[in-house]
Amino acid sequence: MQRLSSTVVVVAGDRAAEVVSGLDGLHNVRAVVRGDRSPAEITELLAKSAATYVVHDADPLAEVADAWTGFFDGTEPVGGLEVAIESTLAALRADRLVLPDYYIVLDPGELPETRRHWWLGVLAGAAPSRVIPCQASVSAVTEALGRLSAGRWWPSDLDGWLRGLPRVVPDRAGVTAGSSA
């Protein structure tokens, strides 16, 4: 699974595309709005960038996030989460997707409860300094970019971590040692 020379930041939330487009033109920031681009096209753009920060709204874990929240909300078909996990792992291994260095989550307090547990429990539990809650505004995200701190990256056993997600209960995600590893 590849890591790029730029710091890759995914902006997630209802207004992500709007906020990312507003970052275009910032010094050392390449802003990429997904639009109609495929995940592979986004990955290609990310790999070609020489900017210090590449900020985009194409979450490589979106399929897993949707399936995980659906699994616990009772809307995902049986086996859907496992299929999403395996599909995402295959795309990461084939370098069609790239995990970001950071997620900036817009207005997490306004998200449905299970989705909020995904961002602030599951992902933040796996890499606490890599998930940043933020207001949904260009100025707030610009400020957050300037305050990104170092910390452990995503779990080294990414396969084990993702495959363990069906056992990570929303209101316990990120709370107990080992619950998200």
Protein backbone atom coordinates (compact mmCIF):
# COMPACT_ATOMS: atom_id res chain seq x y z
CA MET A 1 0.00 0.00 0.00
CA GLN A 2 1.49 3.25 -1.10
CA ARG A 3 2.19 6.40 0.83
CA LEU A 4 2.79 9.61 -1.03
CA SER A 5 5.35 12.37 -0.57
CA SER A 6 2.58 14.94 0.02
CA THR A 7 0.56 15.03 3.21
CA VAL A 8 -2.82 13.69 2.12
CA VAL A 9 -5.90 15.02 3.90
CA VAL A 10 -9.46 13.86 3.35
CA VAL A 11 -12.18 16.34 4.25
CA ALA A 12 -15.33 14.40 5.16
CA GLY A 13 -18.86 15.58 5.76
CA ASP A 14 -21.89 16.97 4.00
CA ARG A 15 -20.13 20.16 2.86
CA ALA A 16 -16.77 18.54 2.05
CA ALA A 17 -16.73 19.32 -1.68
CA GLU A 18 -17.65 22.95 -1.03
CA VAL A 19 -14.96 23.35 1.63
CA VAL A 20 -12.27 21.58 -0.42
CA SER A 21 -12.98 23.76 -3.46
CA GLY A 22 -12.59 26.83 -1.22
CA LEU A 23 -9.05 25.70 -0.33
CA ASP A 24 -7.91 25.96 -3.94
CA GLY A 25 -5.24 28.59 -4.24
CA LEU A 26 -3.79 28.25 -0.74
CA HIS A 27 0.00 28.17 -0.74
CA ASN A 28 1.37 24.58 -0.86
CA VAL A 29 -2.15 23.09 -1.01
CA ARG A 30 -3.54 21.14 -3.94
CA ALA A 31 -7.32 20.91 -3.55
CA VAL A 32 -9.03 18.10 -5.44
CA VAL A 33 -12.82 17.80 -5.52
CA ARG A 34 -13.91 14.30 -6.46
CA GLY A 35 -16.87 15.25 -8.60
CA ASP A 36 -17.36 12.53 -11.21
CA ARG A 37 -13.83 11.14 -10.90
CA SER A 38 -13.31 7.49 -10.02
CA PRO A 39 -11.27 6.52 -6.96
CA ALA A 40 -8.44 5.42 -9.29
CA GLU A 41 -8.44 8.84 -11.01
CA ILE A 42 -8.25 10.57 -7.62
CA THR A 43 -5.35 8.31 -6.60
CA GLU A 44 -3.52 9.15 -9.82
CA LEU A 45 -3.96 12.89 -9.18
CA LEU A 46 -2.72 12.47 -5.62
CA ALA A 47 0.36 10.55 -6.74
CA LYS A 48 1.30 13.24 -9.28
CA SER A 49 1.05 16.16 -6.89
CA ALA A 50 4.15 17.88 -5.58
CA ALA A 51 2.24 20.11 -3.15
CA THR A 52 2.96 19.92 0.56
CA TYR A 53 -0.71 19.14 1.23
CA VAL A 54 -3.17 17.40 -1.05
CA VAL A 55 -6.67 17.90 0.28
CA HIS A 56 -9.62 16.04 -1.24
CA ASP A 57 -13.09 14.72 -0.51
CA ALA A 58 -12.78 11.17 -1.91
CA ASP A 59 -12.63 9.03 1.23
CA PRO A 60 -10.92 5.71 0.42
CA LEU A 61 -12.73 4.09 3.35
CA ALA A 62 -16.18 5.40 2.39
CA GLU A 63 -17.48 2.00 1.29
CA VAL A 64 -16.36 0.45 4.58
CA ALA A 65 -17.80 3.37 6.59
CA ASP A 66 -21.16 3.05 4.85
CA ALA A 67 -21.23 -0.71 5.35
CA TRP A 68 -20.12 -0.49 9.01
CA THR A 69 -22.77 2.08 9.89
CA GLY A 70 -25.37 0.10 7.94
CA PHE A 71 -24.31 -3.11 9.69
CA PHE A 72 -24.94 -1.59 13.12
CA ASP A 73 -28.02 0.38 12.04
CA GLY A 74 -29.53 -2.80 10.58
CA THR A 75 -29.72 -1.50 7.01
CA GLU A 76 -26.75 -3.36 5.48
CA PRO A 77 -27.41 -6.80 3.96
CA VAL A 78 -25.77 -9.79 5.65
CA GLY A 79 -22.16 -10.00 4.50
CA GLY A 80 -22.12 -6.46 3.10
CA LEU A 81 -19.55 -5.19 5.57
CA GLU A 82 -17.21 -8.09 4.88
CA VAL A 83 -17.53 -7.53 1.11
CA ALA A 84 -16.77 -3.81 1.54
CA ILE A 85 -13.72 -4.60 3.66
CA GLU A 86 -12.30 -7.11 1.18
CA SER A 87 -13.00 -4.80 -1.77
CA THR A 88 -11.25 -1.91 -0.03
CA LEU A 89 -8.27 -4.05 0.97
CA ALA A 90 -7.89 -5.26 -2.63
CA ALA A 91 -8.00 -1.66 -3.92
CA LEU A 92 -5.43 -0.53 -1.32
CA ARG A 93 -3.09 -3.42 -2.23
CA ALA A 94 -3.43 -2.62 -5.94
CA ASP A 95 -2.70 1.07 -5.21
CA ARG A 96 -6.09 2.12 -6.61
CA LEU A 97 -6.78 3.75 -3.23
CA VAL A 98 -4.47 5.57 -0.84
CA LEU A 99 -5.12 6.00 2.87
CA PRO A 100 -4.86 9.65 3.86
CA ASP A 101 -2.49 10.93 6.49
CA TYR A 102 -5.38 12.79 8.12
CA TYR A 103 -9.15 13.05 8.09
CA ILE A 104 -10.79 16.39 8.83
CA VAL A 105 -14.37 15.61 9.81
CA LEU A 106 -16.78 18.48 9.30
CA ASP A 107 -19.38 19.17 11.99
CA PRO A 108 -19.23 15.70 13.62
CA GLY A 109 -21.81 16.72 16.23
CA GLU A 110 -24.41 16.99 13.47
CA LEU A 111 -23.77 13.49 12.11
CA PRO A 112 -26.08 10.55 12.80
CA GLU A 113 -24.96 8.72 15.94
CA THR A 114 -23.49 5.60 14.31
CA ARG A 115 -21.65 7.67 11.68
CA ARG A 116 -20.22 9.84 14.46
CA HIS A 117 -18.98 6.64 16.17
CA TRP A 118 -17.28 5.65 12.92
CA TRP A 119 -15.28 8.89 12.77
CA LEU A 120 -14.63 9.64 16.42
CA GLY A 121 -14.56 6.05 17.70
CA VAL A 122 -13.39 3.59 15.06
CA LEU A 123 -11.01 5.81 13.07
CA ALA A 124 -9.90 8.02 15.95
CA GLY A 125 -9.37 4.90 18.07
CA ALA A 126 -7.05 3.49 15.40
CA ALA A 127 -5.03 6.69 14.96
CA PRO A 128 -6.08 9.40 17.45
CA SER A 129 -4.11 12.34 16.06
CA ARG A 130 -5.16 11.53 12.48
CA VAL A 131 -8.86 12.37 12.83
CA ILE A 132 -9.60 16.06 13.36
CA PRO A 133 -13.12 17.33 14.15
CA CYS A 134 -13.70 20.72 12.55
CA GLN A 135 -16.36 23.27 11.69
CA ALA A 136 -17.57 23.12 8.10
CA SER A 137 -15.87 26.27 6.83
CA VAL A 138 -12.87 27.03 4.66
CA SER A 139 -11.29 29.17 7.38
CA ALA A 140 -11.68 26.46 10.05
CA VAL A 141 -10.18 23.79 7.77
CA THR A 142 -7.34 26.13 6.77
CA GLU A 143 -6.58 26.63 10.47
CA ALA A 144 -6.78 22.87 11.11
CA LEU A 145 -4.28 22.22 8.31
CA GLY A 146 -1.82 24.51 10.08
CA ARG A 147 -2.20 22.58 13.34
CA LEU A 148 -1.86 18.98 12.16
CA SER A 149 0.26 17.07 14.63
CA ALA A 150 2.33 13.95 14.21
CA GLY A 151 1.19 10.69 15.69
CA ARG A 152 0.96 7.04 14.89
CA TRP A 153 -0.30 6.27 11.43
CA TRP A 154 -3.01 3.73 10.71
CA PRO A 155 -2.57 0.27 12.23
CA SER A 156 0.36 -1.65 10.76
CA ASP A 157 -1.90 -4.72 10.47
CA LEU A 158 -4.41 -2.96 8.27
CA ASP A 159 -5.94 -6.26 7.12
CA GLY A 160 -6.54 -7.40 10.70
CA TRP A 161 -7.86 -4.01 11.76
CA LEU A 162 -10.36 -3.75 8.91
CA ARG A 163 -11.41 -7.40 9.16
CA GLY A 164 -12.04 -6.88 12.88
CA LEU A 165 -14.53 -4.07 12.31
CA PRO A 166 -17.64 -6.29 12.53
CA ARG A 167 -16.71 -6.81 16.19
CA VAL A 168 -16.24 -3.09 16.94
CA VAL A 169 -19.50 -1.96 18.53
CA PRO A 170 -20.36 1.73 17.91
CA ASP A 171 -20.68 2.96 21.48
CA ARG A 172 -17.49 1.10 22.48
CA ALA A 173 -15.37 2.00 19.42
CA GLY A 174 -12.07 3.49 20.49
CA VAL A 175 -12.94 3.23 24.19
CA THR A 176 -11.27 0.04 25.38
CA ALA A 177 -7.75 -1.13 24.67
CA GLY A 178 -7.73 -3.37 21.63
CA SER A 179 -11.31 -2.60 20.59
CA SER A 180 -10.22 -1.08 17.31
CA ALA A 181 -6.98 -2.88 16.67
